[in-house]
Amino acid sequence: MKGFNIRTLFLFTMALLFGFILRANIGNDNLAISSKIDSLESILYNSLSYNFTPNQKIDICTELALLYKDKSYDKQAEYAARALILAEELSNNELISKALNILVEAYYKMDNYNKAIEYSTRLYNIYNTSNDEIGAAQALYSIGRSYYGASKYIEAKDYYERAHDIFKKNQYFEGIALTLRGIASVQLHWGEYNEALSNNEEALKFLEEIGDEEGIAASFNSIGMVHQEFGNIERAHEYFQKSLEIYKKLGMTWDIVNLTLHIGDIYLHKGLYDKALDWYFDAESIGKHVNNKN
């Protein structure tokens, strides 16, 4: 019991250390973003802004919404809503769709799934009216994702399948893979492990066909999750490792860190503290390296 307490205390200390490094790195990035936000908000709220065309105001509001995506989802939604109002005054469906897409992401990340579904439905209607089948399918996928977040799995699977059918009709492999992974996530939640594994493996084949390395990494991760739920830790680790190798190749640092921490958590929950500690050390080392580069 004493050994367990020491290990637990040490792992907790490591988590605090890593959190400090992560916050320091984010702080450096935020300085540049905050400076740009201040400049754009100053321009927008300056009296001279009344001379701007609606399109210029939309551009500024859209840029601000994108800059706020990792800082404040409320502010992101606020500026996207302003862009939407201006775009609606111009009856410009392209600009309306762009603002709606940002609103969908903002409300999804705020766990406000009803709002995310509302704006995704508006997107679907726009794309459907203009016969943009790929756009319509992407909107259906977004609705399914929000239902999944709201733990409404039957509805989520229904929308994933509707989107999948459209993607398949258009031979849009990226969308086919995305919806297969969505369907698999529902099946995994329901304990349908064989079905979830089959759909994830099929998604992987489509992504390999088009050479989508980021998507391939995500699929390896999803397959690893299924094996983890099966209780096959070694098999899960094998797929997580494949995913890590691609993330490293692509330089996707925070995906590397998140997956490294996840592997550490697996070993921690299994009571394999030494292995967990090794992975936490790796995550800490990666975070420190990124911080030093910045």
Protein backbone atom coordinates (compact mmCIF):
# COMPACT_ATOMS: atom_id res chain seq x y z
CA MET A 1 0.00 0.00 0.00
CA LYS A 2 2.88 2.31 0.81
CA GLY A 3 4.43 1.67 -2.61
CA PHE A 4 1.14 2.44 -4.28
CA ASN A 5 0.88 5.79 -2.47
CA ILE A 6 4.40 6.76 -3.48
CA ARG A 7 3.74 5.87 -7.11
CA THR A 8 0.42 7.68 -7.11
CA LEU A 9 2.00 10.78 -5.59
CA PHE A 10 4.78 10.70 -8.15
CA LEU A 11 2.36 10.31 -11.06
CA PHE A 12 0.32 13.19 -9.69
CA THR A 13 3.47 15.32 -9.52
CA MET A 14 4.28 14.38 -13.11
CA ALA A 15 0.79 15.43 -14.18
CA LEU A 16 1.23 18.81 -12.49
CA LEU A 17 4.63 19.28 -14.13
CA PHE A 18 3.28 18.40 -17.54
CA GLY A 19 0.32 20.72 -17.05
CA PHE A 20 2.72 23.56 -16.22
CA ILE A 21 4.72 22.94 -19.40
CA LEU A 22 1.56 22.70 -21.48
CA ARG A 23 0.21 25.95 -20.07
CA ALA A 24 3.54 27.67 -20.70
CA ASN A 25 3.52 26.59 -24.33
CA ILE A 26 -0.08 27.65 -24.82
CA GLY A 27 0.78 30.97 -23.20
CA ASN A 28 3.42 31.66 -25.83
CA ASP A 29 1.01 30.89 -28.65
CA ASN A 30 -1.71 33.00 -27.04
CA LEU A 31 0.46 36.12 -27.02
CA ALA A 32 0.56 36.23 -30.82
CA ILE A 33 -3.12 35.33 -31.16
CA SER A 34 -4.19 37.88 -28.55
CA SER A 35 -2.20 40.59 -30.31
CA LYS A 36 -3.96 39.84 -33.60
CA ILE A 37 -7.34 39.74 -31.89
CA ASP A 38 -6.71 43.13 -30.25
CA SER A 39 -5.78 44.64 -33.61
CA LEU A 40 -8.85 43.30 -35.40
CA GLU A 41 -11.23 44.26 -32.59
CA SER A 42 -9.74 47.74 -32.54
CA ILE A 43 -10.36 48.06 -36.26
CA LEU A 44 -13.88 46.64 -36.00
CA TYR A 45 -14.97 48.90 -33.15
CA ASN A 46 -13.23 52.00 -34.44
CA SER A 47 -15.56 54.65 -35.78
CA LEU A 48 -13.92 54.26 -39.18
CA SER A 49 -15.40 50.78 -39.34
CA TYR A 50 -18.70 52.35 -40.40
CA ASN A 51 -17.04 52.95 -43.75
CA PHE A 52 -16.38 49.26 -44.21
CA THR A 53 -18.40 47.29 -46.70
CA PRO A 54 -20.52 44.42 -45.32
CA ASN A 55 -18.11 41.97 -46.92
CA GLN A 56 -15.16 43.56 -45.10
CA LYS A 57 -17.01 43.39 -41.78
CA ILE A 58 -17.85 39.73 -42.46
CA ASP A 59 -14.19 39.02 -43.16
CA ILE A 60 -13.12 40.63 -39.87
CA CYS A 61 -15.82 38.88 -37.83
CA THR A 62 -15.00 35.54 -39.45
CA GLU A 63 -11.28 35.98 -38.78
CA LEU A 64 -11.99 36.87 -35.16
CA ALA A 65 -14.24 33.82 -34.79
CA LEU A 66 -11.46 31.59 -36.10
CA LEU A 67 -8.87 33.20 -33.82
CA TYR A 68 -11.09 32.64 -30.78
CA LYS A 69 -11.58 28.92 -31.53
CA ASP A 70 -9.00 27.83 -28.93
CA LYS A 71 -9.49 30.75 -26.54
CA SER A 72 -13.21 31.31 -26.02
CA TYR A 73 -16.00 29.35 -27.66
CA ASP A 74 -18.47 31.99 -26.50
CA LYS A 75 -16.56 34.73 -28.34
CA GLN A 76 -16.14 32.45 -31.33
CA ALA A 77 -19.90 31.98 -31.49
CA GLU A 78 -20.49 35.71 -30.93
CA TYR A 79 -18.40 36.78 -33.92
CA ALA A 80 -19.67 33.97 -36.13
CA ALA A 81 -23.24 35.05 -35.31
CA ARG A 82 -22.40 38.63 -36.31
CA ALA A 83 -20.91 37.36 -39.57
CA LEU A 84 -24.04 35.29 -40.13
CA ILE A 85 -26.38 38.29 -39.71
CA LEU A 86 -24.35 40.33 -42.20
CA ALA A 87 -24.19 37.43 -44.66
CA GLU A 88 -27.96 36.95 -44.42
CA GLU A 89 -28.47 40.63 -45.23
CA LEU A 90 -26.49 40.02 -48.42
CA SER A 91 -28.36 36.74 -49.11
CA ASN A 92 -24.95 35.18 -49.75
CA ASN A 93 -25.28 31.45 -49.14
CA GLU A 94 -21.53 30.85 -49.37
CA LEU A 95 -20.83 33.32 -46.55
CA ILE A 96 -23.88 32.10 -44.61
CA SER A 97 -22.59 28.53 -44.81
CA LYS A 98 -19.13 29.57 -43.65
CA ALA A 99 -20.57 31.32 -40.58
CA LEU A 100 -22.91 28.39 -39.85
CA ASN A 101 -20.01 25.93 -39.98
CA ILE A 102 -18.11 27.96 -37.38
CA LEU A 103 -21.22 28.16 -35.17
CA VAL A 104 -21.68 24.39 -35.40
CA GLU A 105 -18.11 23.80 -34.21
CA ALA A 106 -18.34 26.39 -31.43
CA TYR A 107 -21.58 25.04 -29.97
CA TYR A 108 -20.43 21.44 -30.36
CA LYS A 109 -17.30 22.21 -28.34
CA MET A 110 -19.44 23.98 -25.72
CA ASP A 111 -21.52 20.77 -25.46
CA ASN A 112 -24.56 22.75 -26.57
CA TYR A 113 -25.70 19.97 -28.87
CA ASN A 114 -29.18 21.38 -29.50
CA LYS A 115 -27.69 24.56 -30.96
CA ALA A 116 -25.12 22.56 -32.94
CA ILE A 117 -27.94 20.44 -34.41
CA GLU A 118 -29.98 23.57 -35.17
CA TYR A 119 -27.17 25.17 -37.19
CA SER A 120 -26.19 21.86 -38.82
CA THR A 121 -29.80 21.46 -39.96
CA ARG A 122 -29.72 24.92 -41.50
CA LEU A 123 -26.51 23.96 -43.29
CA TYR A 124 -28.13 20.77 -44.56
CA ASN A 125 -31.08 22.72 -45.96
CA ILE A 126 -28.78 25.15 -47.79
CA TYR A 127 -26.64 22.39 -49.29
CA ASN A 128 -29.66 20.26 -50.15
CA THR A 129 -31.39 23.14 -51.91
CA SER A 130 -28.27 23.88 -53.96
CA ASN A 131 -27.81 20.17 -54.79
CA ASP A 132 -24.46 20.05 -53.00
CA GLU A 133 -24.60 16.40 -51.94
CA ILE A 134 -21.18 16.33 -50.27
CA GLY A 135 -22.00 19.44 -48.22
CA ALA A 136 -25.37 17.94 -47.29
CA ALA A 137 -23.72 14.71 -46.18
CA GLN A 138 -21.17 16.60 -44.10
CA ALA A 139 -24.03 18.44 -42.38
CA LEU A 140 -25.78 15.12 -41.69
CA TYR A 141 -22.56 13.79 -40.19
CA SER A 142 -22.35 16.87 -37.94
CA ILE A 143 -25.91 16.26 -36.74
CA GLY A 144 -25.02 12.64 -35.98
CA ARG A 145 -21.90 13.72 -34.09
CA SER A 146 -23.98 16.09 -31.95
CA TYR A 147 -26.54 13.38 -31.19
CA TYR A 148 -23.66 11.12 -30.18
CA GLY A 149 -22.35 13.83 -27.85
CA ALA A 150 -25.84 14.10 -26.37
CA SER A 151 -25.84 10.31 -25.77
CA LYS A 152 -28.67 9.82 -28.26
CA TYR A 153 -27.02 6.89 -29.99
CA ILE A 154 -29.93 5.65 -32.09
CA GLU A 155 -30.32 9.10 -33.69
CA ALA A 156 -26.56 9.42 -34.08
CA LYS A 157 -26.29 6.13 -35.95
CA ASP A 158 -29.23 7.07 -38.17
CA TYR A 159 -27.59 10.34 -39.28
CA TYR A 160 -24.19 8.71 -39.69
CA GLU A 161 -25.77 6.10 -41.95
CA ARG A 162 -27.66 8.72 -43.99
CA ALA A 163 -24.43 10.65 -44.51
CA HIS A 164 -22.58 7.43 -45.30
CA ASP A 165 -25.05 6.51 -48.07
CA ILE A 166 -24.57 9.88 -49.76
CA PHE A 167 -20.77 9.75 -49.47
CA LYS A 168 -20.81 6.21 -50.86
CA LYS A 169 -23.03 7.25 -53.77
CA ASN A 170 -20.53 9.98 -54.64
CA GLN A 171 -17.47 7.76 -53.99
CA TYR A 172 -16.19 10.36 -51.51
CA PHE A 173 -13.76 8.12 -49.67
CA GLU A 174 -12.85 10.58 -46.91
CA GLY A 175 -16.52 10.96 -45.99
CA ILE A 176 -17.13 7.22 -46.23
CA ALA A 177 -14.30 6.59 -43.78
CA LEU A 178 -15.48 9.36 -41.44
CA THR A 179 -19.01 8.00 -41.23
CA LEU A 180 -17.80 4.42 -40.82
CA ARG A 181 -15.79 5.53 -37.81
CA GLY A 182 -18.85 7.36 -36.49
CA ILE A 183 -21.01 4.25 -36.84
CA ALA A 184 -18.24 2.22 -35.19
CA SER A 185 -18.17 4.60 -32.21
CA VAL A 186 -21.86 3.91 -31.60
CA GLN A 187 -21.33 0.18 -31.97
CA LEU A 188 -18.41 0.33 -29.54
CA HIS A 189 -20.63 2.11 -27.01
CA TRP A 190 -23.23 -0.63 -27.44
CA GLY A 191 -20.61 -3.33 -26.90
CA GLU A 192 -20.80 -4.53 -30.52
CA TYR A 193 -17.03 -4.96 -30.67
CA ASN A 194 -16.80 -7.13 -33.79
CA GLU A 195 -18.99 -4.74 -35.79
CA ALA A 196 -17.06 -1.72 -34.51
CA LEU A 197 -13.76 -3.35 -35.42
CA SER A 198 -15.02 -4.30 -38.89
CA ASN A 199 -16.21 -0.76 -39.68
CA ASN A 200 -13.00 0.81 -38.40
CA GLU A 201 -10.92 -1.57 -40.52
CA GLU A 202 -13.07 -0.79 -43.57
CA ALA A 203 -12.59 2.94 -42.93
CA LEU A 204 -8.84 2.36 -42.79
CA LYS A 205 -8.88 0.74 -46.24
CA PHE A 206 -10.59 3.76 -47.80
CA LEU A 207 -8.12 6.16 -46.17
CA GLU A 208 -5.16 4.09 -47.31
CA GLU A 209 -6.63 4.16 -50.82
CA ILE A 210 -6.49 7.99 -50.92
CA GLY A 211 -3.32 8.29 -48.83
CA ASP A 212 -4.90 10.33 -46.06
CA GLU A 213 -2.19 9.89 -43.42
CA GLU A 214 -3.93 11.93 -40.72
CA GLY A 215 -7.10 9.91 -41.27
CA ILE A 216 -5.09 6.67 -41.22
CA ALA A 217 -3.60 7.68 -37.86
CA ALA A 218 -7.10 8.41 -36.52
CA SER A 219 -8.30 5.00 -37.74
CA PHE A 220 -5.37 3.21 -36.09
CA ASN A 221 -6.32 5.05 -32.91
CA SER A 222 -9.98 4.00 -33.26
CA ILE A 223 -9.00 0.36 -33.83
CA GLY A 224 -6.77 0.58 -30.77
CA MET A 225 -9.73 1.83 -28.75
CA VAL A 226 -11.79 -1.20 -29.78
CA HIS A 227 -9.01 -3.59 -28.74
CA GLN A 228 -8.70 -1.66 -25.48
CA GLU A 229 -12.41 -2.23 -24.79
CA PHE A 230 -11.89 -5.90 -25.65
CA GLY A 231 -9.29 -5.93 -22.87
CA ASN A 232 -6.48 -6.73 -25.30
CA ILE A 233 -4.01 -4.09 -24.10
CA GLU A 234 -1.05 -5.36 -26.11
CA ARG A 235 -3.05 -5.33 -29.35
CA ALA A 236 -4.39 -1.87 -28.50
CA HIS A 237 -0.86 -0.66 -27.81
CA GLU A 238 0.24 -1.97 -31.23
CA TYR A 239 -2.33 0.21 -33.02
CA PHE A 240 -1.71 3.22 -30.78
CA GLN A 241 1.98 2.90 -31.65
CA LYS A 242 1.16 2.88 -35.39
CA SER A 243 -0.91 6.01 -34.87
CA LEU A 244 1.92 7.66 -32.92
CA GLU A 245 4.43 6.97 -35.70
CA ILE A 246 2.25 8.80 -38.23
CA TYR A 247 1.57 11.72 -35.88
CA LYS A 248 5.32 12.03 -35.37
CA LYS A 249 5.92 11.94 -39.13
CA LEU A 250 3.31 14.68 -39.63
CA GLY A 251 4.64 16.73 -36.71
CA MET A 252 1.26 16.72 -34.95
CA THR A 253 2.75 17.37 -31.53
CA TRP A 254 -0.36 17.65 -29.38
CA ASP A 255 -1.91 14.57 -30.95
CA ILE A 256 1.31 12.78 -30.01
CA VAL A 257 1.10 14.12 -26.46
CA ASN A 258 -2.58 13.25 -26.03
CA LEU A 259 -2.13 9.70 -27.32
CA THR A 260 1.03 9.22 -25.22
CA LEU A 261 -0.88 10.31 -22.11
CA HIS A 262 -3.76 8.01 -23.05
CA ILE A 263 -1.42 5.03 -23.24
CA GLY A 264 -0.01 6.00 -19.86
CA ASP A 265 -3.53 6.13 -18.44
CA ILE A 266 -4.25 2.62 -19.74
CA TYR A 267 -1.27 1.19 -17.91
CA LEU A 268 -2.10 3.21 -14.81
CA HIS A 269 -5.61 1.79 -14.65
CA LYS A 270 -4.19 -1.71 -15.16
CA GLY A 271 -1.94 -1.18 -12.15
CA LEU A 272 1.23 -1.27 -14.30
CA TYR A 273 2.71 1.84 -12.70
CA ASP A 274 6.24 1.58 -14.08
CA LYS A 275 4.96 1.39 -17.67
CA ALA A 276 2.53 4.22 -17.01
CA LEU A 277 5.35 6.32 -15.65
CA ASP A 278 7.46 5.71 -18.77
CA TRP A 279 4.69 7.03 -20.99
CA TYR A 280 4.03 10.03 -18.74
CA PHE A 281 7.75 10.83 -18.88
CA ASP A 282 7.60 10.67 -22.69
CA ALA A 283 4.65 13.08 -22.74
CA GLU A 284 6.44 15.45 -20.37
CA SER A 285 9.58 15.31 -22.53
CA ILE A 286 7.65 16.10 -25.71
CA GLY A 287 5.84 19.00 -24.04
CA LYS A 288 9.13 20.40 -22.72
CA HIS A 289 10.75 20.10 -26.15
CA VAL A 290 7.92 22.03 -27.83
CA ASN A 291 8.01 24.66 -25.12
CA ASN A 292 11.76 25.17 -25.54
CA LYS A 293 11.36 25.56 -29.31
CA ASN A 294 8.84 28.32 -28.75
